[in-house]
Amino acid sequence: MTDDEYVLAALRIAAGADPVPARVSTDARAVYGLRLPGAVTAGPVGVPSGTGVGAWPPSGVRSDGCPADGEPWLLRFAAGGLTIDVELTVCDSHIDLAGQVQPAPGKGARVEIRTPHVSKIRFPSDTGEFATTGLPHGWLSVVCHRPGNPPVATRWQCVRL
């Protein structure tokens, strides 16, 4: 393309003659709806050895860094005085998730397991444990909501075989 063609293409876009594909607009609205204003973002932290499961992404297991079907992997996130451990078991058709918030978030707390298309709410046990099954492959995030505190959300992780 010449410089003139780039300028004409930019003018068409600016004039609305070359509309944004509907899928892009739909996805943008969906992502915007997943934002959590005021949330604290929990970043990944190292998982100590001897936990009985592999830290994910494992190094050298597969070129794409995904665990083998049915093998559990542990992710650990920390922020806002909380540690969120998430154990994932990736199966052919779904993801099973078990986790624990430490310290236990207490009464009135809830954990939200989010994907772009499904959100599941769980109420952690007295020790901070929670679980769900049947999540779709793809992006997921876990959010701990505690009364009187800002939510703590893990970074989005792409989980698939």
C-alpha atoms as a PDB file:
ATOM      1  CA  MET A   1       0.000   0.000   0.000  1.00  0.00           C
ATOM      2  CA  THR A   2       1.197   3.491  -0.769  1.00  0.00           C
ATOM      3  CA  ASP A   3       1.064   6.375   1.661  1.00  0.00           C
ATOM      4  CA  ASP A   4      -1.970   7.751  -0.189  1.00  0.00           C
ATOM      5  CA  GLU A   5      -3.822   4.445   0.229  1.00  0.00           C
ATOM      6  CA  TYR A   6      -3.109   4.476   3.977  1.00  0.00           C
ATOM      7  CA  VAL A   7      -4.424   8.025   4.267  1.00  0.00           C
ATOM      8  CA  LEU A   8      -7.575   7.134   2.305  1.00  0.00           C
ATOM      9  CA  ALA A   9      -8.137   4.035   4.450  1.00  0.00           C
ATOM     10  CA  ALA A  10      -7.745   6.118   7.623  1.00  0.00           C
ATOM     11  CA  LEU A  11     -10.216   8.693   6.295  1.00  0.00           C
ATOM     12  CA  ARG A  12     -12.756   5.942   5.473  1.00  0.00           C
ATOM     13  CA  ILE A  13     -12.456   4.579   9.012  1.00  0.00           C
ATOM     14  CA  ALA A  14     -12.764   8.050  10.544  1.00  0.00           C
ATOM     15  CA  ALA A  15     -15.800   8.789   8.382  1.00  0.00           C
ATOM     16  CA  GLY A  16     -17.469   5.541   9.353  1.00  0.00           C
ATOM     17  CA  ALA A  17     -17.356   4.222   5.800  1.00  0.00           C
ATOM     18  CA  ASP A  18     -15.297   1.240   6.927  1.00  0.00           C
ATOM     19  CA  PRO A  19     -17.133   0.142  10.105  1.00  0.00           C
ATOM     20  CA  VAL A  20     -15.595  -1.875  12.907  1.00  0.00           C
ATOM     21  CA  PRO A  21     -16.640  -5.536  12.632  1.00  0.00           C
ATOM     22  CA  ALA A  22     -19.565  -6.389  14.929  1.00  0.00           C
ATOM     23  CA  ARG A  23     -17.528  -9.115  16.669  1.00  0.00           C
ATOM     24  CA  VAL A  24     -14.918  -6.556  17.742  1.00  0.00           C
ATOM     25  CA  SER A  25     -17.558  -4.232  19.207  1.00  0.00           C
ATOM     26  CA  THR A  26     -19.291  -7.124  20.984  1.00  0.00           C
ATOM     27  CA  ASP A  27     -16.017  -8.379  22.476  1.00  0.00           C
ATOM     28  CA  ALA A  28     -15.042  -4.867  23.581  1.00  0.00           C
ATOM     29  CA  ARG A  29     -18.368  -4.408  25.386  1.00  0.00           C
ATOM     30  CA  ALA A  30     -17.983  -7.811  27.069  1.00  0.00           C
ATOM     31  CA  VAL A  31     -14.463  -6.993  28.289  1.00  0.00           C
ATOM     32  CA  TYR A  32     -15.587  -3.596  29.561  1.00  0.00           C
ATOM     33  CA  GLY A  33     -18.339  -5.322  31.529  1.00  0.00           C
ATOM     34  CA  LEU A  34     -15.732  -7.502  33.288  1.00  0.00           C
ATOM     35  CA  ARG A  35     -13.791  -4.584  34.778  1.00  0.00           C
ATOM     36  CA  LEU A  36     -13.761  -4.160  38.542  1.00  0.00           C
ATOM     37  CA  PRO A  37     -13.262  -0.502  39.468  1.00  0.00           C
ATOM     38  CA  GLY A  38     -11.303  -0.177  42.704  1.00  0.00           C
ATOM     39  CA  ALA A  39     -10.150  -3.802  42.713  1.00  0.00           C
ATOM     40  CA  VAL A  40      -6.652  -4.729  43.800  1.00  0.00           C
ATOM     41  CA  THR A  41      -4.887  -6.865  41.191  1.00  0.00           C
ATOM     42  CA  ALA A  42      -3.189  -9.946  42.616  1.00  0.00           C
ATOM     43  CA  GLY A  43      -0.086 -10.823  40.662  1.00  0.00           C
ATOM     44  CA  PRO A  44       1.443 -14.275  40.312  1.00  0.00           C
ATOM     45  CA  VAL A  45       3.945 -15.387  42.946  1.00  0.00           C
ATOM     46  CA  GLY A  46       6.145 -18.448  43.142  1.00  0.00           C
ATOM     47  CA  VAL A  47       4.771 -21.754  44.337  1.00  0.00           C
ATOM     48  CA  PRO A  48       7.026 -23.541  46.821  1.00  0.00           C
ATOM     49  CA  SER A  49       8.210 -27.007  45.888  1.00  0.00           C
ATOM     50  CA  GLY A  50       6.696 -29.964  47.705  1.00  0.00           C
ATOM     51  CA  THR A  51       3.073 -28.866  47.190  1.00  0.00           C
ATOM     52  CA  GLY A  52       2.196 -32.110  45.415  1.00  0.00           C
ATOM     53  CA  VAL A  53       1.165 -30.374  42.206  1.00  0.00           C
ATOM     54  CA  GLY A  54       3.137 -28.653  39.493  1.00  0.00           C
ATOM     55  CA  ALA A  55       3.485 -24.906  39.208  1.00  0.00           C
ATOM     56  CA  TRP A  56       1.897 -23.599  36.063  1.00  0.00           C
ATOM     57  CA  PRO A  57       3.017 -22.895  33.468  1.00  0.00           C
ATOM     58  CA  PRO A  58       5.442 -25.773  33.771  1.00  0.00           C
ATOM     59  CA  SER A  59       8.755 -25.356  32.044  1.00  0.00           C
ATOM     60  CA  GLY A  60       9.648 -27.850  29.350  1.00  0.00           C
ATOM     61  CA  VAL A  61       6.512 -30.004  29.586  1.00  0.00           C
ATOM     62  CA  ARG A  62       5.098 -29.003  26.209  1.00  0.00           C
ATOM     63  CA  SER A  63       6.010 -26.293  23.774  1.00  0.00           C
ATOM     64  CA  ASP A  64       2.778 -24.427  24.522  1.00  0.00           C
ATOM     65  CA  GLY A  65       3.337 -24.637  28.290  1.00  0.00           C
ATOM     66  CA  CYS A  66       0.017 -26.351  29.051  1.00  0.00           C
ATOM     67  CA  PRO A  67      -0.352 -29.234  31.493  1.00  0.00           C
ATOM     68  CA  ALA A  68      -1.288 -32.652  30.232  1.00  0.00           C
ATOM     69  CA  ASP A  69      -4.963 -33.558  30.302  1.00  0.00           C
ATOM     70  CA  GLY A  70      -6.081 -34.333  33.853  1.00  0.00           C
ATOM     71  CA  GLU A  71      -2.875 -33.214  35.614  1.00  0.00           C
ATOM     72  CA  PRO A  72      -3.463 -30.601  38.337  1.00  0.00           C
ATOM     73  CA  TRP A  73      -1.459 -27.376  38.307  1.00  0.00           C
ATOM     74  CA  LEU A  74      -1.170 -24.719  40.974  1.00  0.00           C
ATOM     75  CA  LEU A  75      -1.246 -20.960  40.473  1.00  0.00           C
ATOM     76  CA  ARG A  76      -0.566 -18.591  43.361  1.00  0.00           C
ATOM     77  CA  PHE A  77      -1.455 -14.898  43.462  1.00  0.00           C
ATOM     78  CA  ALA A  78      -0.910 -12.297  46.176  1.00  0.00           C
ATOM     79  CA  ALA A  79      -2.058  -8.724  46.884  1.00  0.00           C
ATOM     80  CA  GLY A  80      -3.974  -6.720  49.445  1.00  0.00           C
ATOM     81  CA  GLY A  81      -2.828  -8.947  52.311  1.00  0.00           C
ATOM     82  CA  LEU A  82      -4.302 -12.059  50.647  1.00  0.00           C
ATOM     83  CA  THR A  83      -2.836 -15.088  48.933  1.00  0.00           C
ATOM     84  CA  ILE A  84      -5.085 -16.903  46.480  1.00  0.00           C
ATOM     85  CA  ASP A  85      -4.062 -20.440  45.536  1.00  0.00           C
ATOM     86  CA  VAL A  86      -5.821 -21.916  42.511  1.00  0.00           C
ATOM     87  CA  GLU A  87      -5.456 -25.560  41.516  1.00  0.00           C
ATOM     88  CA  LEU A  88      -6.572 -26.247  37.968  1.00  0.00           C
ATOM     89  CA  THR A  89      -7.323 -29.593  36.397  1.00  0.00           C
ATOM     90  CA  VAL A  90      -7.647 -29.205  32.648  1.00  0.00           C
ATOM     91  CA  CYS A  91      -9.736 -31.847  30.897  1.00  0.00           C
ATOM     92  CA  ASP A  92     -10.699 -32.268  27.244  1.00  0.00           C
ATOM     93  CA  SER A  93     -13.990 -30.434  27.560  1.00  0.00           C
ATOM     94  CA  HIS A  94     -13.666 -28.326  30.722  1.00  0.00           C
ATOM     95  CA  ILE A  95     -11.604 -27.023  33.635  1.00  0.00           C
ATOM     96  CA  ASP A  96     -12.100 -27.976  37.282  1.00  0.00           C
ATOM     97  CA  LEU A  97     -10.886 -25.473  39.846  1.00  0.00           C
ATOM     98  CA  ALA A  98     -10.180 -25.759  43.569  1.00  0.00           C
ATOM     99  CA  GLY A  99      -8.724 -22.913  45.564  1.00  0.00           C
ATOM    100  CA  GLN A 100      -7.980 -21.366  48.898  1.00  0.00           C
ATOM    101  CA  VAL A 101      -7.820 -17.777  50.103  1.00  0.00           C
ATOM    102  CA  GLN A 102      -5.336 -17.139  52.928  1.00  0.00           C
ATOM    103  CA  PRO A 103      -5.914 -15.808  55.449  1.00  0.00           C
ATOM    104  CA  ALA A 104      -9.490 -17.039  55.366  1.00  0.00           C
ATOM    105  CA  PRO A 105     -11.612 -14.056  54.350  1.00  0.00           C
ATOM    106  CA  GLY A 106     -14.263 -14.494  57.069  1.00  0.00           C
ATOM    107  CA  LYS A 107     -18.040 -14.171  57.193  1.00  0.00           C
ATOM    108  CA  GLY A 108     -19.816 -12.478  54.324  1.00  0.00           C
ATOM    109  CA  ALA A 109     -16.968 -13.104  51.884  1.00  0.00           C
ATOM    110  CA  ARG A 110     -17.510 -14.614  48.483  1.00  0.00           C
ATOM    111  CA  VAL A 111     -15.252 -15.818  45.701  1.00  0.00           C
ATOM    112  CA  GLU A 112     -16.183 -15.147  42.110  1.00  0.00           C
ATOM    113  CA  ILE A 113     -14.671 -17.371  39.412  1.00  0.00           C
ATOM    114  CA  ARG A 114     -14.942 -15.443  36.151  1.00  0.00           C
ATOM    115  CA  THR A 115     -14.594 -16.291  32.500  1.00  0.00           C
ATOM    116  CA  PRO A 116     -15.718 -14.006  29.669  1.00  0.00           C
ATOM    117  CA  HIS A 117     -18.952 -16.030  29.402  1.00  0.00           C
ATOM    118  CA  VAL A 118     -19.545 -17.631  32.821  1.00  0.00           C
ATOM    119  CA  SER A 119     -19.317 -16.303  36.359  1.00  0.00           C
ATOM    120  CA  LYS A 120     -19.663 -18.625  39.336  1.00  0.00           C
ATOM    121  CA  ILE A 121     -20.003 -17.449  42.930  1.00  0.00           C
ATOM    122  CA  ARG A 122     -18.712 -19.594  45.783  1.00  0.00           C
ATOM    123  CA  PHE A 123     -18.724 -18.927  49.508  1.00  0.00           C
ATOM    124  CA  PRO A 124     -15.391 -20.003  50.977  1.00  0.00           C
ATOM    125  CA  SER A 125     -15.267 -22.397  53.912  1.00  0.00           C
ATOM    126  CA  ASP A 126     -14.011 -21.324  57.342  1.00  0.00           C
ATOM    127  CA  THR A 127     -10.520 -22.184  56.101  1.00  0.00           C
ATOM    128  CA  GLY A 128     -10.929 -20.177  52.875  1.00  0.00           C
ATOM    129  CA  GLU A 129     -11.436 -23.122  50.505  1.00  0.00           C
ATOM    130  CA  PHE A 130     -13.677 -23.032  47.421  1.00  0.00           C
ATOM    131  CA  ALA A 131     -14.191 -25.112  44.270  1.00  0.00           C
ATOM    132  CA  THR A 132     -16.117 -25.335  41.021  1.00  0.00           C
ATOM    133  CA  THR A 133     -16.258 -27.600  37.996  1.00  0.00           C
ATOM    134  CA  GLY A 134     -17.203 -27.362  34.361  1.00  0.00           C
ATOM    135  CA  LEU A 135     -15.485 -24.099  33.434  1.00  0.00           C
ATOM    136  CA  PRO A 136     -14.846 -23.537  29.726  1.00  0.00           C
ATOM    137  CA  HIS A 137     -11.302 -23.505  28.373  1.00  0.00           C
ATOM    138  CA  GLY A 138      -9.927 -20.013  27.866  1.00  0.00           C
ATOM    139  CA  TRP A 139      -9.498 -16.951  30.040  1.00  0.00           C
ATOM    140  CA  LEU A 140     -10.292 -16.978  33.763  1.00  0.00           C
ATOM    141  CA  SER A 141      -9.839 -14.828  36.845  1.00  0.00           C
ATOM    142  CA  VAL A 142     -10.690 -15.331  40.520  1.00  0.00           C
ATOM    143  CA  VAL A 143     -11.975 -12.460  42.667  1.00  0.00           C
ATOM    144  CA  CYS A 144     -12.257 -12.426  46.456  1.00  0.00           C
ATOM    145  CA  HIS A 145     -14.940 -10.049  47.747  1.00  0.00           C
ATOM    146  CA  ARG A 146     -14.661  -9.215  51.473  1.00  0.00           C
ATOM    147  CA  PRO A 147     -17.027  -6.884  53.322  1.00  0.00           C
ATOM    148  CA  GLY A 148     -15.407  -3.526  53.998  1.00  0.00           C
ATOM    149  CA  ASN A 149     -12.414  -4.204  51.704  1.00  0.00           C
ATOM    150  CA  PRO A 150     -11.795  -3.682  48.004  1.00  0.00           C
ATOM    151  CA  PRO A 151     -12.069  -6.836  45.911  1.00  0.00           C
ATOM    152  CA  VAL A 152      -8.830  -8.698  45.173  1.00  0.00           C
ATOM    153  CA  ALA A 153      -8.744 -10.066  41.615  1.00  0.00           C
ATOM    154  CA  THR A 154      -6.172 -12.387  40.105  1.00  0.00           C
ATOM    155  CA  ARG A 155      -4.717 -11.485  36.762  1.00  0.00           C
ATOM    156  CA  TRP A 156      -6.507 -13.112  33.833  1.00  0.00           C
ATOM    157  CA  GLN A 157      -4.978 -16.447  32.864  1.00  0.00           C
ATOM    158  CA  CYS A 158      -5.493 -18.302  29.601  1.00  0.00           C
ATOM    159  CA  VAL A 159      -6.137 -21.968  30.388  1.00  0.00           C
ATOM    160  CA  ARG A 160      -6.527 -24.479  27.593  1.00  0.00           C
ATOM    161  CA  LEU A 161      -5.036 -27.657  26.197  1.00  0.00           C
END
